[in-house]
Each structure stands twice: as C-alpha cells, then as structure tokens.
C-alpha cells in the first residue's frame, strides 16, 4: 500500500523549521489566489492554496484509512477535503 501526498505549501506555526522564502511565497500566493477567487477563479485556490501541517496530517491519515485500493495519489483538493476539521 502507498499514499503520495502532493500539497502545494505547508504552512503554520507548528513547523519545526522556519523557511522565510517559503513563508513569504505562501502568503503572497494565498493572497493572489484569494483575489482570483473573488473574481470567479476559486479553482486556482483549491488547487494551489497552502495547507497547515494539521490539515495535511489529518488528510493523509483519513485518506489512508478510508481507501480500499491501498494506492492513493492525493492532490491539494483531496488533502484539504479529507483534512477538514470534523
């Protein structure tokens, strides 16, 4: 069995290391994607928006436990949906 997660950016205060460039780019990208969503391009935010470590972790666990094939390729949309708080 395998699970491949394809998150865009992983953000949040729970990260052990601080990566300034990644953090700045994630904030900028999320702002641009938020503006795109306001004009009807929400699919871009759904596909490329950042996730927190908690969302990523919950999504991976839920997808791994609910998949019957044992082979999961999860993009940001699948991870976000599965990682939504209960």
C-alpha atoms as a PDB file:
ATOM      1  CA  UNK A   1       0.000   0.000   0.000  1.00  0.00           C
ATOM      2  CA  UNK A   2       1.089   3.566  -0.641  1.00  0.00           C
ATOM      3  CA  UNK A   3      -0.065   7.150  -0.331  1.00  0.00           C
ATOM      4  CA  UNK A   4       1.519  10.023  -2.239  1.00  0.00           C
ATOM      5  CA  UNK A   5       0.565  13.485  -0.973  1.00  0.00           C
ATOM      6  CA  UNK A   6       1.002  16.481  -3.282  1.00  0.00           C
ATOM      7  CA  UNK A   7       0.467  19.600  -1.147  1.00  0.00           C
ATOM      8  CA  UNK A   8       1.315  22.996  -2.611  1.00  0.00           C
ATOM      9  CA  UNK A   9       2.689  24.715   0.524  1.00  0.00           C
ATOM     10  CA  UNK A  10       2.681  23.536   4.124  1.00  0.00           C
ATOM     11  CA  UNK A  11       2.385  26.483   6.491  1.00  0.00           C
ATOM     12  CA  UNK A  12       1.641  27.167  10.122  1.00  0.00           C
ATOM     13  CA  UNK A  13       3.268  27.898  13.437  1.00  0.00           C
ATOM     14  CA  UNK A  14       3.628  24.186  14.207  1.00  0.00           C
ATOM     15  CA  UNK A  15       6.522  23.725  11.750  1.00  0.00           C
ATOM     16  CA  UNK A  16       9.857  22.982  13.398  1.00  0.00           C
ATOM     17  CA  UNK A  17      11.953  24.934  10.914  1.00  0.00           C
ATOM     18  CA  UNK A  18      11.355  28.466   9.701  1.00  0.00           C
ATOM     19  CA  UNK A  19      11.752  28.986   5.977  1.00  0.00           C
ATOM     20  CA  UNK A  20      11.440  32.683   5.240  1.00  0.00           C
ATOM     21  CA  UNK A  21      11.295  32.416   1.444  1.00  0.00           C
ATOM     22  CA  UNK A  22       8.715  29.645   1.528  1.00  0.00           C
ATOM     23  CA  UNK A  23       6.598  31.524   4.075  1.00  0.00           C
ATOM     24  CA  UNK A  24       6.669  34.792   2.096  1.00  0.00           C
ATOM     25  CA  UNK A  25       5.825  32.981  -1.136  1.00  0.00           C
ATOM     26  CA  UNK A  26       2.973  31.046   0.527  1.00  0.00           C
ATOM     27  CA  UNK A  27       1.443  34.238   1.966  1.00  0.00           C
ATOM     28  CA  UNK A  28       1.780  36.030  -1.370  1.00  0.00           C
ATOM     29  CA  UNK A  29       0.370  33.095  -3.318  1.00  0.00           C
ATOM     30  CA  UNK A  30      -2.582  32.712  -0.935  1.00  0.00           C
ATOM     31  CA  UNK A  31      -3.347  36.451  -1.286  1.00  0.00           C
ATOM     32  CA  UNK A  32      -3.250  36.279  -5.086  1.00  0.00           C
ATOM     33  CA  UNK A  33      -5.373  33.126  -5.084  1.00  0.00           C
ATOM     34  CA  UNK A  34      -7.861  34.795  -2.732  1.00  0.00           C
ATOM     35  CA  UNK A  35      -8.189  37.686  -5.184  1.00  0.00           C
ATOM     36  CA  UNK A  36      -8.609  35.213  -8.044  1.00  0.00           C
ATOM     37  CA  UNK A  37     -11.376  33.503  -6.085  1.00  0.00           C
ATOM     38  CA  UNK A  38     -13.162  36.845  -5.704  1.00  0.00           C
ATOM     39  CA  UNK A  39     -13.399  37.110  -9.494  1.00  0.00           C
ATOM     40  CA  UNK A  40     -14.611  33.550 -10.006  1.00  0.00           C
ATOM     41  CA  UNK A  41     -11.341  31.646 -10.241  1.00  0.00           C
ATOM     42  CA  UNK A  42     -11.710  29.704  -6.999  1.00  0.00           C
ATOM     43  CA  UNK A  43     -10.473  26.548  -8.689  1.00  0.00           C
ATOM     44  CA  UNK A  44      -6.952  28.021  -8.583  1.00  0.00           C
ATOM     45  CA  UNK A  45      -7.081  28.423  -4.795  1.00  0.00           C
ATOM     46  CA  UNK A  46      -8.486  24.926  -4.444  1.00  0.00           C
ATOM     47  CA  UNK A  47      -5.611  23.517  -6.482  1.00  0.00           C
ATOM     48  CA  UNK A  48      -2.654  25.608  -5.262  1.00  0.00           C
ATOM     49  CA  UNK A  49      -3.566  27.114  -1.868  1.00  0.00           C
ATOM     50  CA  UNK A  50      -1.480  26.293   1.187  1.00  0.00           C
ATOM     51  CA  UNK A  51      -2.364  23.766   3.883  1.00  0.00           C
ATOM     52  CA  UNK A  52      -1.435  23.700   7.550  1.00  0.00           C
ATOM     53  CA  UNK A  53       0.522  20.788   8.921  1.00  0.00           C
ATOM     54  CA  UNK A  54      -2.591  19.673  10.804  1.00  0.00           C
ATOM     55  CA  UNK A  55      -4.714  19.701   7.624  1.00  0.00           C
ATOM     56  CA  UNK A  56      -2.067  17.730   5.762  1.00  0.00           C
ATOM     57  CA  UNK A  57      -1.708  15.184   8.558  1.00  0.00           C
ATOM     58  CA  UNK A  58      -5.458  14.679   9.030  1.00  0.00           C
ATOM     59  CA  UNK A  59      -5.966  14.410   5.287  1.00  0.00           C
ATOM     60  CA  UNK A  60      -3.246  11.804   4.850  1.00  0.00           C
ATOM     61  CA  UNK A  61      -4.497   9.689   7.755  1.00  0.00           C
ATOM     62  CA  UNK A  62      -8.136   9.840   6.657  1.00  0.00           C
ATOM     63  CA  UNK A  63      -7.323   9.042   3.037  1.00  0.00           C
ATOM     64  CA  UNK A  64      -5.084   6.139   4.051  1.00  0.00           C
ATOM     65  CA  UNK A  65      -7.707   4.685   6.367  1.00  0.00           C
ATOM     66  CA  UNK A  66     -10.675   5.049   4.009  1.00  0.00           C
ATOM     67  CA  UNK A  67      -9.135   3.981   0.693  1.00  0.00           C
ATOM     68  CA  UNK A  68      -9.880   0.375  -0.286  1.00  0.00           C
ATOM     69  CA  UNK A  69      -7.281   0.009  -3.058  1.00  0.00           C
ATOM     70  CA  UNK A  70      -4.176   0.726  -0.996  1.00  0.00           C
ATOM     71  CA  UNK A  71      -2.976   3.197  -3.628  1.00  0.00           C
ATOM     72  CA  UNK A  72      -3.705   6.877  -3.004  1.00  0.00           C
ATOM     73  CA  UNK A  73      -2.458   9.840  -5.038  1.00  0.00           C
ATOM     74  CA  UNK A  74      -3.771  12.903  -3.193  1.00  0.00           C
ATOM     75  CA  UNK A  75      -3.570  16.451  -4.539  1.00  0.00           C
ATOM     76  CA  UNK A  76      -4.286  19.602  -2.540  1.00  0.00           C
ATOM     77  CA  UNK A  77      -8.045  19.360  -3.131  1.00  0.00           C
ATOM     78  CA  UNK A  78      -8.255  15.790  -1.812  1.00  0.00           C
ATOM     79  CA  UNK A  79      -5.993  16.567   1.146  1.00  0.00           C
ATOM     80  CA  UNK A  80      -7.969  19.703   2.060  1.00  0.00           C
ATOM     81  CA  UNK A  81     -11.324  17.905   1.836  1.00  0.00           C
ATOM     82  CA  UNK A  82     -10.138  14.913   3.867  1.00  0.00           C
ATOM     83  CA  UNK A  83      -8.265  17.109   6.349  1.00  0.00           C
ATOM     84  CA  UNK A  84     -11.185  19.402   7.145  1.00  0.00           C
ATOM     85  CA  UNK A  85     -11.818  19.526  10.883  1.00  0.00           C
ATOM     86  CA  UNK A  86     -14.613  17.157  11.977  1.00  0.00           C
END
